[in-house]
Amino acid sequence: LRGLGLEAGREVALAGYGDTAFTEGKHLSLTSVRYDPARIGEAALEYLTGRIPGKDGAMIAIPTELVVRASTQTPA
C-alpha cells in the first residue's frame, strides 16, 4: 500500500486472519480475526469420526474474535 501512496487505516482498511505475530509490525498494527486453530482441529476430528450427531454436511461454528487495530481505524 505504501508503494501506491496509500495509508492503511486512512485511505483503505486492511485486515488479516489468524492474529499471528505479524499483526504488530514496525509500521502498522493490523486488524485481525483471532481464532483457535486447536478447536478447528478438534471439530474436524469430531466431524470425521462421527461424534457430532446430525451435522452431516452442515457447517460447524467455531468462535472467533475481531481484534480491531490501527489498520482499520480512521484517525480522529
N, C-alpha and C. Protein backbone atom coordinates (compact mmCIF):
# COMPACT_ATOMS: atom_id res chain seq x y z
N LEU A 1 0.82 -1.20 0.00
CA LEU A 1 0.00 0.00 0.00
C LEU A 1 0.86 1.26 0.00
N ARG A 2 1.94 1.21 0.78
CA ARG A 2 2.82 2.38 0.82
C ARG A 2 3.38 2.69 -0.56
N GLY A 3 3.68 1.64 -1.33
CA GLY A 3 4.19 1.83 -2.67
C GLY A 3 3.20 2.53 -3.59
N LEU A 4 1.93 2.42 -3.26
CA LEU A 4 0.88 3.09 -4.04
C LEU A 4 0.52 4.45 -3.45
N GLY A 5 1.21 4.82 -2.38
CA GLY A 5 0.93 6.10 -1.73
C GLY A 5 -0.31 6.08 -0.87
N LEU A 6 -0.74 4.89 -0.44
CA LEU A 6 -1.94 4.77 0.38
C LEU A 6 -1.55 4.42 1.81
N GLU A 7 -2.38 4.84 2.74
CA GLU A 7 -2.13 4.56 4.15
C GLU A 7 -3.27 3.71 4.71
N ALA A 8 -2.93 2.53 5.20
CA ALA A 8 -3.93 1.66 5.82
C ALA A 8 -4.49 2.34 7.05
N GLY A 9 -5.80 2.27 7.19
CA GLY A 9 -6.45 2.92 8.32
C GLY A 9 -6.90 4.33 8.00
N ARG A 10 -6.44 4.87 6.87
CA ARG A 10 -6.86 6.20 6.46
C ARG A 10 -7.56 6.12 5.09
N GLU A 11 -6.82 5.76 4.05
CA GLU A 11 -7.43 5.67 2.71
C GLU A 11 -8.05 4.30 2.44
N VAL A 12 -7.56 3.30 3.13
CA VAL A 12 -8.05 1.93 2.90
C VAL A 12 -8.00 1.16 4.23
N ALA A 13 -8.98 0.28 4.41
CA ALA A 13 -8.97 -0.58 5.59
C ALA A 13 -8.29 -1.89 5.21
N LEU A 14 -7.49 -2.42 6.12
CA LEU A 14 -6.74 -3.64 5.86
C LEU A 14 -6.88 -4.56 7.07
N ALA A 15 -7.29 -5.81 6.81
CA ALA A 15 -7.47 -6.77 7.90
C ALA A 15 -6.88 -8.11 7.50
N GLY A 16 -6.48 -8.87 8.50
CA GLY A 16 -5.92 -10.19 8.28
C GLY A 16 -6.73 -11.24 9.03
N TYR A 17 -6.27 -12.48 8.94
CA TYR A 17 -6.95 -13.60 9.59
C TYR A 17 -5.92 -14.44 10.30
N GLY A 18 -6.14 -14.72 11.55
CA GLY A 18 -5.25 -15.58 12.29
C GLY A 18 -4.57 -14.92 13.47
N ASP A 19 -4.51 -13.59 13.46
CA ASP A 19 -3.91 -12.84 14.56
C ASP A 19 -2.53 -13.38 14.91
N THR A 20 -1.69 -13.51 13.91
CA THR A 20 -0.35 -14.05 14.10
C THR A 20 0.62 -12.97 14.58
N ALA A 21 1.84 -13.34 14.76
CA ALA A 21 2.88 -12.41 15.22
C ALA A 21 3.07 -11.25 14.25
N PHE A 22 2.65 -11.40 13.00
CA PHE A 22 2.83 -10.35 12.00
C PHE A 22 1.84 -9.20 12.17
N THR A 23 0.89 -9.30 13.10
CA THR A 23 -0.09 -8.24 13.28
C THR A 23 0.50 -6.99 13.90
N GLU A 24 1.59 -7.12 14.61
CA GLU A 24 2.23 -5.96 15.24
C GLU A 24 3.54 -5.66 14.51
N GLY A 25 3.42 -4.96 13.42
CA GLY A 25 4.60 -4.66 12.61
C GLY A 25 5.27 -3.36 13.00
N LYS A 26 6.36 -3.09 12.33
CA LYS A 26 7.13 -1.88 12.59
C LYS A 26 6.33 -0.63 12.21
N HIS A 27 5.53 -0.74 11.13
CA HIS A 27 4.84 0.43 10.61
C HIS A 27 3.33 0.42 10.83
N LEU A 28 2.77 -0.71 11.21
CA LEU A 28 1.32 -0.81 11.23
C LEU A 28 0.86 -1.90 12.19
N SER A 29 -0.20 -1.62 12.93
CA SER A 29 -0.85 -2.65 13.74
C SER A 29 -2.04 -3.15 12.93
N LEU A 30 -2.03 -4.42 12.57
CA LEU A 30 -3.00 -4.99 11.65
C LEU A 30 -4.23 -5.53 12.38
N THR A 31 -5.42 -5.06 11.98
CA THR A 31 -6.67 -5.63 12.46
C THR A 31 -6.72 -7.08 12.00
N SER A 32 -7.22 -7.96 12.85
CA SER A 32 -7.21 -9.38 12.50
C SER A 32 -8.36 -10.13 13.17
N VAL A 33 -8.71 -11.25 12.58
CA VAL A 33 -9.69 -12.16 13.18
C VAL A 33 -8.90 -13.21 13.94
N ARG A 34 -9.15 -13.30 15.23
CA ARG A 34 -8.47 -14.27 16.10
C ARG A 34 -9.34 -15.53 16.19
N TYR A 35 -8.71 -16.68 16.07
CA TYR A 35 -9.43 -17.95 16.18
C TYR A 35 -8.53 -18.96 16.89
N ASP A 36 -9.12 -20.07 17.28
CA ASP A 36 -8.38 -21.11 17.98
C ASP A 36 -8.14 -22.28 17.02
N PRO A 37 -6.94 -22.40 16.44
CA PRO A 37 -6.69 -23.47 15.48
C PRO A 37 -6.85 -24.86 16.09
N ALA A 38 -6.56 -25.00 17.38
CA ALA A 38 -6.73 -26.30 18.03
C ALA A 38 -8.20 -26.69 18.05
N ARG A 39 -9.08 -25.71 18.28
CA ARG A 39 -10.53 -26.00 18.29
C ARG A 39 -11.00 -26.40 16.90
N ILE A 40 -10.45 -25.80 15.86
CA ILE A 40 -10.81 -26.18 14.49
C ILE A 40 -10.40 -27.63 14.24
N GLY A 41 -9.20 -28.00 14.68
CA GLY A 41 -8.74 -29.38 14.53
C GLY A 41 -9.61 -30.35 15.30
N GLU A 42 -9.98 -29.98 16.52
CA GLU A 42 -10.85 -30.84 17.33
C GLU A 42 -12.21 -31.03 16.65
N ALA A 43 -12.78 -29.96 16.14
CA ALA A 43 -14.08 -30.04 15.47
C ALA A 43 -13.98 -30.91 14.21
N ALA A 44 -12.89 -30.78 13.48
CA ALA A 44 -12.70 -31.60 12.28
C ALA A 44 -12.63 -33.08 12.65
N LEU A 45 -11.89 -33.39 13.70
CA LEU A 45 -11.77 -34.77 14.15
C LEU A 45 -13.12 -35.31 14.63
N GLU A 46 -13.84 -34.49 15.40
CA GLU A 46 -15.17 -34.90 15.86
C GLU A 46 -16.10 -35.17 14.68
N TYR A 47 -16.05 -34.31 13.68
CA TYR A 47 -16.89 -34.47 12.49
C TYR A 47 -16.51 -35.74 11.73
N LEU A 48 -15.21 -35.93 11.51
CA LEU A 48 -14.75 -37.08 10.73
C LEU A 48 -14.99 -38.41 11.43
N THR A 49 -15.00 -38.41 12.74
CA THR A 49 -15.22 -39.65 13.48
C THR A 49 -16.69 -39.84 13.86
N GLY A 50 -17.55 -38.94 13.39
CA GLY A 50 -18.98 -39.09 13.62
C GLY A 50 -19.45 -38.73 15.01
N ARG A 51 -18.63 -38.01 15.77
CA ARG A 51 -19.01 -37.66 17.14
C ARG A 51 -19.88 -36.41 17.21
N ILE A 52 -20.22 -35.83 16.07
CA ILE A 52 -21.13 -34.69 16.05
C ILE A 52 -22.42 -35.17 15.37
N PRO A 53 -23.40 -35.60 16.15
CA PRO A 53 -24.63 -36.13 15.56
C PRO A 53 -25.43 -35.05 14.83
N GLY A 54 -26.02 -35.44 13.72
CA GLY A 54 -26.87 -34.52 12.97
C GLY A 54 -26.15 -33.43 12.23
N LYS A 55 -24.86 -33.53 12.08
CA LYS A 55 -24.08 -32.49 11.40
C LYS A 55 -23.61 -32.94 10.02
N ASP A 56 -24.27 -33.93 9.44
CA ASP A 56 -23.86 -34.45 8.15
C ASP A 56 -23.95 -33.37 7.08
N GLY A 57 -22.82 -32.86 6.67
CA GLY A 57 -22.75 -31.82 5.63
C GLY A 57 -23.06 -30.42 6.13
N ALA A 58 -23.33 -30.26 7.41
CA ALA A 58 -23.67 -28.95 7.95
C ALA A 58 -22.41 -28.19 8.36
N MET A 59 -22.56 -26.89 8.48
CA MET A 59 -21.45 -26.07 8.94
C MET A 59 -21.33 -26.18 10.45
N ILE A 60 -20.12 -26.07 10.94
CA ILE A 60 -19.84 -26.10 12.37
C ILE A 60 -19.27 -24.74 12.75
N ALA A 61 -19.90 -24.08 13.69
CA ALA A 61 -19.45 -22.74 14.11
C ALA A 61 -18.30 -22.85 15.10
N ILE A 62 -17.24 -22.13 14.81
CA ILE A 62 -16.08 -22.03 15.70
C ILE A 62 -15.99 -20.57 16.15
N PRO A 63 -15.94 -20.31 17.45
CA PRO A 63 -15.88 -18.92 17.92
C PRO A 63 -14.64 -18.19 17.40
N THR A 64 -14.84 -16.94 17.05
CA THR A 64 -13.76 -16.06 16.61
C THR A 64 -13.90 -14.72 17.32
N GLU A 65 -12.88 -13.90 17.19
CA GLU A 65 -12.92 -12.57 17.78
C GLU A 65 -12.27 -11.59 16.83
N LEU A 66 -12.94 -10.49 16.54
CA LEU A 66 -12.35 -9.44 15.72
C LEU A 66 -11.53 -8.54 16.63
N VAL A 67 -10.24 -8.43 16.32
CA VAL A 67 -9.32 -7.58 17.09
C VAL A 67 -9.01 -6.36 16.24
N VAL A 68 -9.65 -5.26 16.57
CA VAL A 68 -9.52 -4.02 15.78
C VAL A 68 -8.25 -3.28 16.18
N ARG A 69 -7.45 -3.00 15.19
CA ARG A 69 -6.21 -2.23 15.40
C ARG A 69 -6.15 -1.07 14.41
N ALA A 70 -5.04 -0.42 14.33
CA ALA A 70 -4.90 0.80 13.55
C ALA A 70 -5.18 0.65 12.06
N SER A 71 -5.04 -0.53 11.48
CA SER A 71 -5.18 -0.70 10.03
C SER A 71 -6.62 -0.52 9.54
N THR A 72 -7.59 -0.47 10.46
CA THR A 72 -8.98 -0.26 10.05
C THR A 72 -9.62 0.91 10.79
N GLN A 73 -8.85 1.62 11.56
CA GLN A 73 -9.40 2.74 12.32
C GLN A 73 -9.04 4.05 11.64
N THR A 74 -10.06 4.85 11.35
CA THR A 74 -9.80 6.16 10.78
C THR A 74 -9.41 7.09 11.93
N PRO A 75 -8.27 7.74 11.82
CA PRO A 75 -7.84 8.64 12.89
C PRO A 75 -8.86 9.77 13.10
N ALA A 76 -9.03 10.20 14.35
CA ALA A 76 -9.98 11.29 14.67
C ALA A 76 -9.45 12.61 14.15
